[in-house]
C-alpha atoms as a PDB file:
ATOM      1  CA  MET A   1     102.272 126.430  51.937  1.00  0.00           C
ATOM      2  CA  ASN A   2     100.648 124.694  49.096  1.00  0.00           C
ATOM      3  CA  LEU A   3      99.301 121.047  49.968  1.00  0.00           C
ATOM      4  CA  ASP A   4      97.952 119.042  47.392  1.00  0.00           C
ATOM      5  CA  ARG A   5      94.629 117.185  47.708  1.00  0.00           C
ATOM      6  CA  SER A   6      96.212 113.887  48.826  1.00  0.00           C
ATOM      7  CA  ALA A   7      98.190 115.520  51.565  1.00  0.00           C
ATOM      8  CA  MET A   8      95.119 117.640  52.881  1.00  0.00           C
ATOM      9  CA  LYS A   9      93.334 114.446  53.068  1.00  0.00           C
ATOM     10  CA  ARG A  10      95.822 112.557  55.520  1.00  0.00           C
ATOM     11  CA  ILE A  11      95.799 115.627  57.859  1.00  0.00           C
ATOM     12  CA  PRO A  12      92.679 114.890  59.352  1.00  0.00           C
ATOM     13  CA  LEU A  13      93.489 111.302  59.695  1.00  0.00           C
ATOM     14  CA  ALA A  14      96.619 111.903  61.570  1.00  0.00           C
ATOM     15  CA  ALA A  15      94.827 114.264  63.606  1.00  0.00           C
ATOM     16  CA  ALA A  16      92.447 111.764  64.596  1.00  0.00           C
ATOM     17  CA  THR A  17      95.047 109.030  64.900  1.00  0.00           C
ATOM     18  CA  VAL A  18      96.997 111.355  67.491  1.00  0.00           C
ATOM     19  CA  ALA A  19      93.757 112.005  69.327  1.00  0.00           C
ATOM     20  CA  ALA A  20      92.744 108.258  69.717  1.00  0.00           C
ATOM     21  CA  SER A  21      96.185 107.503  70.931  1.00  0.00           C
ATOM     22  CA  ALA A  22      96.084 110.162  73.735  1.00  0.00           C
ATOM     23  CA  ALA A  23      92.722 108.875  74.918  1.00  0.00           C
ATOM     24  CA  LEU A  24      93.806 105.463  75.079  1.00  0.00           C
ATOM     25  CA  ALA A  25      96.833 106.278  76.902  1.00  0.00           C
ATOM     26  CA  LEU A  26      94.570 108.198  79.350  1.00  0.00           C
ATOM     27  CA  SER A  27      92.099 105.616  80.019  1.00  0.00           C
ATOM     28  CA  ALA A  28      95.122 103.055  80.812  1.00  0.00           C
ATOM     29  CA  VAL A  29      95.807 105.629  83.711  1.00  0.00           C
ATOM     30  CA  ALA A  30      92.494 106.865  84.829  1.00  0.00           C
ATOM     31  CA  PRO A  31      90.868 104.215  86.731  1.00  0.00           C
ATOM     32  CA  ALA A  32      89.748 105.227  90.449  1.00  0.00           C
ATOM     33  CA  SER A  33      92.185 103.770  92.753  1.00  0.00           C
ATOM     34  CA  ALA A  34      90.870 100.901  94.926  1.00  0.00           C
ATOM     35  CA  ALA A  35      92.240  99.516  98.332  1.00  0.00           C
ATOM     36  CA  PRO A  36      92.948  96.262  97.611  1.00  0.00           C
ATOM     37  CA  GLY A  37      91.560  93.678 100.207  1.00  0.00           C
ATOM     38  CA  GLN A  38      88.202  93.501 101.727  1.00  0.00           C
ATOM     39  CA  LEU A  39      86.243  95.109 104.289  1.00  0.00           C
ATOM     40  CA  ARG A  40      84.036  92.852 106.544  1.00  0.00           C
ATOM     41  CA  TRP A  41      81.423  93.599 109.375  1.00  0.00           C
ATOM     42  CA  THR A  42      78.907  91.879 111.468  1.00  0.00           C
ATOM     43  CA  PHE A  43      75.954  93.233 113.266  1.00  0.00           C
ATOM     44  CA  ASN A  44      75.280  89.942 115.410  1.00  0.00           C
ATOM     45  CA  HIS A  45      78.889  87.682 114.940  1.00  0.00           C
ATOM     46  CA  ALA A  46      76.762  85.094 112.836  1.00  0.00           C
ATOM     47  CA  GLU A  47      76.606  87.196 109.619  1.00  0.00           C
ATOM     48  CA  TRP A  48      79.282  88.819 107.953  1.00  0.00           C
ATOM     49  CA  HIS A  49      78.803  91.354 105.261  1.00  0.00           C
ATOM     50  CA  ASN A  50      81.961  92.271 102.596  1.00  0.00           C
ATOM     51  CA  HIS A  51      83.063  94.947 100.742  1.00  0.00           C
ATOM     52  CA  ASP A  52      85.651  93.805  98.065  1.00  0.00           C
ATOM     53  CA  ASN A  53      88.268  96.218  96.591  1.00  0.00           C
ATOM     54  CA  PRO A  54      86.506  99.439  97.802  1.00  0.00           C
ATOM     55  CA  THR A  55      86.804 102.754  96.282  1.00  0.00           C
ATOM     56  CA  PRO A  56      87.377 105.902  97.794  1.00  0.00           C
ATOM     57  CA  GLY A  57      84.150 107.445  99.065  1.00  0.00           C
ATOM     58  CA  CYS A  58      81.606 107.295 101.942  1.00  0.00           C
ATOM     59  CA  TYR A  59      79.325 104.146 102.234  1.00  0.00           C
ATOM     60  CA  THR A  60      76.424 103.658 104.711  1.00  0.00           C
ATOM     61  CA  ILE A  61      75.815 100.063 106.150  1.00  0.00           C
ATOM     62  CA  ALA A  62      73.103 100.942 108.580  1.00  0.00           C
ATOM     63  CA  ALA A  63      70.463 103.834 108.963  1.00  0.00           C
ATOM     64  CA  GLY A  64      70.473 105.982 112.001  1.00  0.00           C
ATOM     65  CA  ASP A  65      67.562 104.373 113.690  1.00  0.00           C
ATOM     66  CA  ALA A  66      69.155 100.827 112.663  1.00  0.00           C
ATOM     67  CA  ALA A  67      71.614  98.551 114.993  1.00  0.00           C
ATOM     68  CA  PRO A  68      75.101  99.612 114.199  1.00  0.00           C
ATOM     69  CA  THR A  69      78.009  97.071 113.599  1.00  0.00           C
ATOM     70  CA  ILE A  70      79.637  95.101 116.540  1.00  0.00           C
ATOM     71  CA  VAL A  71      82.888  94.331 114.698  1.00  0.00           C
ATOM     72  CA  PHE A  72      84.230  96.105 111.676  1.00  0.00           C
ATOM     73  CA  GLU A  73      87.331  94.799 110.331  1.00  0.00           C
ATOM     74  CA  ASN A  74      89.912  96.601 107.732  1.00  0.00           C
ATOM     75  CA  GLN A  75      91.862  93.665 105.613  1.00  0.00           C
ATOM     76  CA  THR A  76      92.915  96.523 102.893  1.00  0.00           C
ATOM     77  CA  VAL A  77      96.086  97.995 102.334  1.00  0.00           C
ATOM     78  CA  ASP A  78      94.927 101.692 103.402  1.00  0.00           C
ATOM     79  CA  ALA A  79      93.433 102.758 106.712  1.00  0.00           C
ATOM     80  CA  VAL A  80      89.681 103.413 106.816  1.00  0.00           C
ATOM     81  CA  ALA A  81      87.649 105.907 108.992  1.00  0.00           C
ATOM     82  CA  LEU A  82      84.607 104.525 110.711  1.00  0.00           C
ATOM     83  CA  HIS A  83      81.631 106.702 111.832  1.00  0.00           C
ATOM     84  CA  PHE A  84      78.501 106.483 114.502  1.00  0.00           C
ATOM     85  CA  GLY A  85      76.288 107.883 111.965  1.00  0.00           C
ATOM     86  CA  PRO A  86      75.207 106.999 108.698  1.00  0.00           C
ATOM     87  CA  ASP A  87      76.584 109.264 105.824  1.00  0.00           C
ATOM     88  CA  CYS A  88      79.991 109.153 107.503  1.00  0.00           C
ATOM     89  CA  ALA A  89      78.291 111.827 110.237  1.00  0.00           C
ATOM     90  CA  GLY A  90      79.908 111.595 113.796  1.00  0.00           C
ATOM     91  CA  PRO A  91      82.983 110.615 115.661  1.00  0.00           C
ATOM     92  CA  GLY A  92      84.914 107.429 114.958  1.00  0.00           C
ATOM     93  CA  PRO A  93      88.321 105.865 114.772  1.00  0.00           C
ATOM     94  CA  ILE A  94      90.664 105.306 111.900  1.00  0.00           C
ATOM     95  CA  VAL A  95      91.202 101.608 111.384  1.00  0.00           C
ATOM     96  CA  ASP A  96      94.598 100.732 109.879  1.00  0.00           C
ATOM     97  CA  PRO A  97      95.137  97.991 107.515  1.00  0.00           C
ATOM     98  CA  PHE A  98      94.838  94.272 108.872  1.00  0.00           C
ATOM     99  CA  GLU A  99      92.911  95.374 111.787  1.00  0.00           C
ATOM    100  CA  ALA A 100      89.572  95.066 113.608  1.00  0.00           C
ATOM    101  CA  VAL A 101      87.654  97.185 115.941  1.00  0.00           C
ATOM    102  CA  GLY A 102      84.440  96.717 118.025  1.00  0.00           C
ATOM    103  CA  PHE A 103      83.168 100.337 117.179  1.00  0.00           C
ATOM    104  CA  PRO A 104      79.645 100.929 116.613  1.00  0.00           C
ATOM    105  CA  THR A 105      79.520 101.644 113.089  1.00  0.00           C
ATOM    106  CA  ARG A 106      76.920 102.926 110.886  1.00  0.00           C
ATOM    107  CA  SER A 107      79.313 104.404 108.059  1.00  0.00           C
ATOM    108  CA  TYR A 108      82.754 104.205 106.706  1.00  0.00           C
ATOM    109  CA  ARG A 109      85.095 106.347 104.647  1.00  0.00           C
ATOM    110  CA  VAL A 110      87.501 104.880 102.479  1.00  0.00           C
ATOM    111  CA  PHE A 111      90.659 107.346 101.595  1.00  0.00           C
ATOM    112  CA  SER A 112      92.785 105.629  98.769  1.00  0.00           C
END
């Protein structure tokens, strides 16, 4: 197949356009899912801590030698696992959406 020079110049431009379009399409779909809403906890009933729209992962809120929470509220649309130890170690309950528990929590895991 014989291509003239102007056609040969358009091939890289077309390829770049296709690649850019594909990257743009993937970036619109790629963000990590977040659990819309808020997680709230307190260590003393006086001061509350919030985590807005948490993304999936494990979150430590108290070191192993620090006092755990006394109340943990899940005001998101997804369940959250609570753990007695830091780094999501140790036993703990699953807290359904829009529920609160009095479990001594040092870390939690967001699944969504």
